[in-house]
Amino acid sequence: MSLNQLSPIAQAELETGTTTRPPKLKGAEDFSTWKTRIQSFFEYTDYNLWLSFTAGPHIPTVVRGDAVVANNDATTFTDEDKALIQRDRRAHAALTMALSTKDCNMFEEHQTANALWNALIEYYEGNEELIESKRDMVQKQYDMFCGVRG
């Protein structure tokens, strides 16, 4: 069944999401609105999931001598480590569910919610250099428009 065959209510729910289903990203032209909606969705449903996007994944650590190093031995994870890792995995899973199949496949290499979120932002909005370049281009177009008589 294609999107056009869905009822208007189902189409609206797919676009905006519900309290239990994240909104779907439909494409580049939708990204800005979707970004706001997906943030609202995660802040509403479970703010801790949103922290996985912004703060990054939890990396369990262990003290060895005077150094704190990453702990890769899952058998020694604390209950808090396990809960935070599960939170990160849930955030990543929910975010992938909000992507189209094309986008999901395109970004499958990003295995944490934070990495996926940052990759989506860079892809759809550009990095800082690209954003500044776009801003300059729009300013030049505006200046040229204002300079045209008529």
C-alpha atoms as a PDB file:
ATOM      1  CA  MET A   1       0.000   0.000   0.000  1.00  0.00           C
ATOM      2  CA  SER A   2       1.445   3.361  -0.980  1.00  0.00           C
ATOM      3  CA  LEU A   3       1.246   6.545   1.079  1.00  0.00           C
ATOM      4  CA  ASN A   4      -1.358   7.920  -1.329  1.00  0.00           C
ATOM      5  CA  GLN A   5      -3.696   5.008  -0.529  1.00  0.00           C
ATOM      6  CA  LEU A   6      -3.712   5.715   3.209  1.00  0.00           C
ATOM      7  CA  SER A   7      -6.625   7.510   4.781  1.00  0.00           C
ATOM      8  CA  PRO A   8      -6.055  11.203   5.537  1.00  0.00           C
ATOM      9  CA  ILE A   9      -5.905  10.429   9.261  1.00  0.00           C
ATOM     10  CA  ALA A  10      -3.301   7.702   8.763  1.00  0.00           C
ATOM     11  CA  GLN A  11      -1.250  10.011   6.510  1.00  0.00           C
ATOM     12  CA  ALA A  12      -1.339  12.755   9.146  1.00  0.00           C
ATOM     13  CA  GLU A  13      -0.287  10.325  11.881  1.00  0.00           C
ATOM     14  CA  LEU A  14       2.576   9.064   9.736  1.00  0.00           C
ATOM     15  CA  GLU A  15       3.776  12.612   9.110  1.00  0.00           C
ATOM     16  CA  THR A  16       3.341  14.083  12.587  1.00  0.00           C
ATOM     17  CA  GLY A  17       3.655  10.943  14.691  1.00  0.00           C
ATOM     18  CA  THR A  18       1.580  10.063  17.722  1.00  0.00           C
ATOM     19  CA  THR A  19       2.367   9.746  21.397  1.00  0.00           C
ATOM     20  CA  THR A  20       3.558   6.193  20.715  1.00  0.00           C
ATOM     21  CA  ARG A  21       4.911   6.435  17.160  1.00  0.00           C
ATOM     22  CA  PRO A  22       7.666   8.805  16.029  1.00  0.00           C
ATOM     23  CA  PRO A  23       7.042  11.049  13.010  1.00  0.00           C
ATOM     24  CA  LYS A  24       8.496   9.791   9.713  1.00  0.00           C
ATOM     25  CA  LEU A  25      11.153  11.710   7.830  1.00  0.00           C
ATOM     26  CA  LYS A  26       9.830  12.055   4.291  1.00  0.00           C
ATOM     27  CA  GLY A  27      12.782  13.792   2.657  1.00  0.00           C
ATOM     28  CA  ALA A  28      15.115  16.761   2.580  1.00  0.00           C
ATOM     29  CA  GLU A  29      12.346  19.343   2.254  1.00  0.00           C
ATOM     30  CA  ASP A  30      10.744  17.955   5.420  1.00  0.00           C
ATOM     31  CA  PHE A  31      13.884  17.746   7.575  1.00  0.00           C
ATOM     32  CA  SER A  32      13.587  21.026   9.480  1.00  0.00           C
ATOM     33  CA  THR A  33      10.002  20.339  10.562  1.00  0.00           C
ATOM     34  CA  TRP A  34      10.735  16.660  11.230  1.00  0.00           C
ATOM     35  CA  LYS A  35      13.746  17.580  13.387  1.00  0.00           C
ATOM     36  CA  THR A  36      11.523  19.697  15.630  1.00  0.00           C
ATOM     37  CA  ARG A  37       8.814  17.024  15.787  1.00  0.00           C
ATOM     38  CA  ILE A  38      11.191  14.165  16.534  1.00  0.00           C
ATOM     39  CA  GLN A  39      12.822  16.174  19.317  1.00  0.00           C
ATOM     40  CA  SER A  40       9.397  16.907  20.793  1.00  0.00           C
ATOM     41  CA  PHE A  41       8.445  13.240  20.471  1.00  0.00           C
ATOM     42  CA  PHE A  42      11.486  12.033  22.419  1.00  0.00           C
ATOM     43  CA  GLU A  43      11.284  14.771  25.018  1.00  0.00           C
ATOM     44  CA  TYR A  44       7.618  13.877  25.560  1.00  0.00           C
ATOM     45  CA  THR A  45       7.882  10.091  25.570  1.00  0.00           C
ATOM     46  CA  ASP A  46      11.182   9.685  27.436  1.00  0.00           C
ATOM     47  CA  TYR A  47      13.543  12.587  27.985  1.00  0.00           C
ATOM     48  CA  ASN A  48      16.338  10.146  28.798  1.00  0.00           C
ATOM     49  CA  LEU A  49      16.166   8.870  25.215  1.00  0.00           C
ATOM     50  CA  TRP A  50      16.706  12.427  23.995  1.00  0.00           C
ATOM     51  CA  LEU A  51      19.865  12.541  26.117  1.00  0.00           C
ATOM     52  CA  SER A  52      21.247   9.683  24.011  1.00  0.00           C
ATOM     53  CA  PHE A  53      20.956  11.940  20.964  1.00  0.00           C
ATOM     54  CA  THR A  54      22.557  14.979  22.540  1.00  0.00           C
ATOM     55  CA  ALA A  55      25.042  13.561  25.055  1.00  0.00           C
ATOM     56  CA  GLY A  56      26.110  10.538  23.052  1.00  0.00           C
ATOM     57  CA  PRO A  57      26.216   6.889  23.989  1.00  0.00           C
ATOM     58  CA  HIS A  58      27.131   5.694  27.442  1.00  0.00           C
ATOM     59  CA  ILE A  59      30.555   4.062  27.478  1.00  0.00           C
ATOM     60  CA  PRO A  60      31.160   1.922  30.561  1.00  0.00           C
ATOM     61  CA  THR A  61      34.488   2.607  32.225  1.00  0.00           C
ATOM     62  CA  VAL A  62      36.737   0.895  34.717  1.00  0.00           C
ATOM     63  CA  VAL A  63      39.648   2.188  36.778  1.00  0.00           C
ATOM     64  CA  ARG A  64      42.945   0.506  35.990  1.00  0.00           C
ATOM     65  CA  GLY A  65      45.752   1.895  38.112  1.00  0.00           C
ATOM     66  CA  ASP A  66      45.557   5.675  37.821  1.00  0.00           C
ATOM     67  CA  ALA A  67      43.665   5.641  34.519  1.00  0.00           C
ATOM     68  CA  VAL A  68      39.970   5.411  33.703  1.00  0.00           C
ATOM     69  CA  VAL A  69      39.545   3.304  30.565  1.00  0.00           C
ATOM     70  CA  ALA A  70      36.652   1.953  28.524  1.00  0.00           C
ATOM     71  CA  ASN A  71      35.331  -1.334  29.844  1.00  0.00           C
ATOM     72  CA  ASN A  72      34.573  -3.766  27.019  1.00  0.00           C
ATOM     73  CA  ASP A  73      33.847  -6.747  29.261  1.00  0.00           C
ATOM     74  CA  ALA A  74      30.045  -6.969  29.336  1.00  0.00           C
ATOM     75  CA  THR A  75      30.181  -9.457  32.206  1.00  0.00           C
ATOM     76  CA  THR A  76      31.488  -6.700  34.498  1.00  0.00           C
ATOM     77  CA  PHE A  77      28.973  -3.990  33.562  1.00  0.00           C
ATOM     78  CA  THR A  78      27.055  -2.519  36.474  1.00  0.00           C
ATOM     79  CA  ASP A  79      23.257  -2.419  36.459  1.00  0.00           C
ATOM     80  CA  GLU A  80      23.513   1.323  35.723  1.00  0.00           C
ATOM     81  CA  ASP A  81      25.808   0.631  32.748  1.00  0.00           C
ATOM     82  CA  LYS A  82      23.340  -1.924  31.393  1.00  0.00           C
ATOM     83  CA  ALA A  83      20.393   0.453  31.817  1.00  0.00           C
ATOM     84  CA  LEU A  84      22.219   3.297  30.044  1.00  0.00           C
ATOM     85  CA  ILE A  85      23.345   1.031  27.203  1.00  0.00           C
ATOM     86  CA  GLN A  86      19.765  -0.182  26.821  1.00  0.00           C
ATOM     87  CA  ARG A  87      18.570   3.447  26.746  1.00  0.00           C
ATOM     88  CA  ASP A  88      21.039   4.203  23.970  1.00  0.00           C
ATOM     89  CA  ARG A  89      19.933   1.159  21.953  1.00  0.00           C
ATOM     90  CA  ARG A  90      16.249   2.083  22.385  1.00  0.00           C
ATOM     91  CA  ALA A  91      16.953   5.635  21.216  1.00  0.00           C
ATOM     92  CA  HIS A  92      18.798   4.366  18.140  1.00  0.00           C
ATOM     93  CA  ALA A  93      16.043   1.861  17.339  1.00  0.00           C
ATOM     94  CA  ALA A  94      13.302   4.474  17.675  1.00  0.00           C
ATOM     95  CA  LEU A  95      15.206   6.913  15.466  1.00  0.00           C
ATOM     96  CA  THR A  96      15.719   4.315  12.738  1.00  0.00           C
ATOM     97  CA  MET A  97      11.973   3.585  12.850  1.00  0.00           C
ATOM     98  CA  ALA A  98      11.355   7.259  12.069  1.00  0.00           C
ATOM     99  CA  LEU A  99      13.411   7.053   8.853  1.00  0.00           C
ATOM    100  CA  SER A 100      12.318   5.976   5.418  1.00  0.00           C
ATOM    101  CA  THR A 101      13.788   2.714   4.128  1.00  0.00           C
ATOM    102  CA  LYS A 102      16.099   4.708   1.846  1.00  0.00           C
ATOM    103  CA  ASP A 103      17.417   6.860   4.688  1.00  0.00           C
ATOM    104  CA  CYS A 104      17.699   3.890   7.033  1.00  0.00           C
ATOM    105  CA  ASN A 105      19.859   2.060   4.484  1.00  0.00           C
ATOM    106  CA  MET A 106      21.896   5.163   3.719  1.00  0.00           C
ATOM    107  CA  PHE A 107      22.797   5.714   7.387  1.00  0.00           C
ATOM    108  CA  GLU A 108      23.040   2.108   8.603  1.00  0.00           C
ATOM    109  CA  GLU A 109      26.744   2.481   9.440  1.00  0.00           C
ATOM    110  CA  HIS A 110      25.857   4.801  12.345  1.00  0.00           C
ATOM    111  CA  GLN A 111      25.318   2.499  15.297  1.00  0.00           C
ATOM    112  CA  THR A 112      24.470   4.982  18.053  1.00  0.00           C
ATOM    113  CA  ALA A 113      21.604   7.451  18.329  1.00  0.00           C
ATOM    114  CA  ASN A 114      24.083  10.318  18.699  1.00  0.00           C
ATOM    115  CA  ALA A 115      26.120   9.327  15.613  1.00  0.00           C
ATOM    116  CA  LEU A 116      22.958   8.807  13.537  1.00  0.00           C
ATOM    117  CA  TRP A 117      21.437  12.103  14.685  1.00  0.00           C
ATOM    118  CA  ASN A 118      24.610  14.049  13.879  1.00  0.00           C
ATOM    119  CA  ALA A 119      24.932  12.333  10.483  1.00  0.00           C
ATOM    120  CA  LEU A 120      21.332  13.216   9.604  1.00  0.00           C
ATOM    121  CA  ILE A 121      21.890  16.856  10.572  1.00  0.00           C
ATOM    122  CA  GLU A 122      25.091  17.087   8.566  1.00  0.00           C
ATOM    123  CA  TYR A 123      23.524  15.406   5.535  1.00  0.00           C
ATOM    124  CA  TYR A 124      20.305  17.440   5.489  1.00  0.00           C
ATOM    125  CA  GLU A 125      21.509  20.767   6.915  1.00  0.00           C
ATOM    126  CA  GLY A 126      25.196  20.617   6.024  1.00  0.00           C
ATOM    127  CA  ASN A 127      28.234  21.212   8.160  1.00  0.00           C
ATOM    128  CA  GLU A 128      29.098  24.667   9.506  1.00  0.00           C
ATOM    129  CA  GLU A 129      31.155  25.548   6.413  1.00  0.00           C
ATOM    130  CA  LEU A 130      28.300  24.641   4.065  1.00  0.00           C
ATOM    131  CA  ILE A 131      25.745  26.536   6.168  1.00  0.00           C
ATOM    132  CA  GLU A 132      27.955  29.648   6.105  1.00  0.00           C
ATOM    133  CA  SER A 133      28.395  29.282   2.339  1.00  0.00           C
ATOM    134  CA  LYS A 134      24.614  29.031   1.843  1.00  0.00           C
ATOM    135  CA  ARG A 135      24.105  32.064   4.074  1.00  0.00           C
ATOM    136  CA  ASP A 136      26.596  34.087   1.995  1.00  0.00           C
ATOM    137  CA  MET A 137      24.929  32.990  -1.247  1.00  0.00           C
ATOM    138  CA  VAL A 138      21.473  34.043  -0.008  1.00  0.00           C
ATOM    139  CA  GLN A 139      22.881  37.387   1.176  1.00  0.00           C
ATOM    140  CA  LYS A 140      24.447  38.007  -2.264  1.00  0.00           C
ATOM    141  CA  GLN A 141      21.180  37.106  -4.004  1.00  0.00           C
ATOM    142  CA  TYR A 142      19.299  39.486  -1.714  1.00  0.00           C
ATOM    143  CA  ASP A 143      21.833  42.268  -2.326  1.00  0.00           C
ATOM    144  CA  MET A 144      21.507  41.737  -6.106  1.00  0.00           C
ATOM    145  CA  PHE A 145      17.711  41.763  -5.828  1.00  0.00           C
ATOM    146  CA  CYS A 146      17.757  45.011  -3.862  1.00  0.00           C
ATOM    147  CA  GLY A 147      20.108  46.543  -6.422  1.00  0.00           C
ATOM    148  CA  VAL A 148      17.760  45.842  -9.355  1.00  0.00           C
ATOM    149  CA  ARG A 149      15.639  48.828 -10.299  1.00  0.00           C
ATOM    150  CA  GLY A 150      12.112  48.327 -11.303  1.00  0.00           C
END
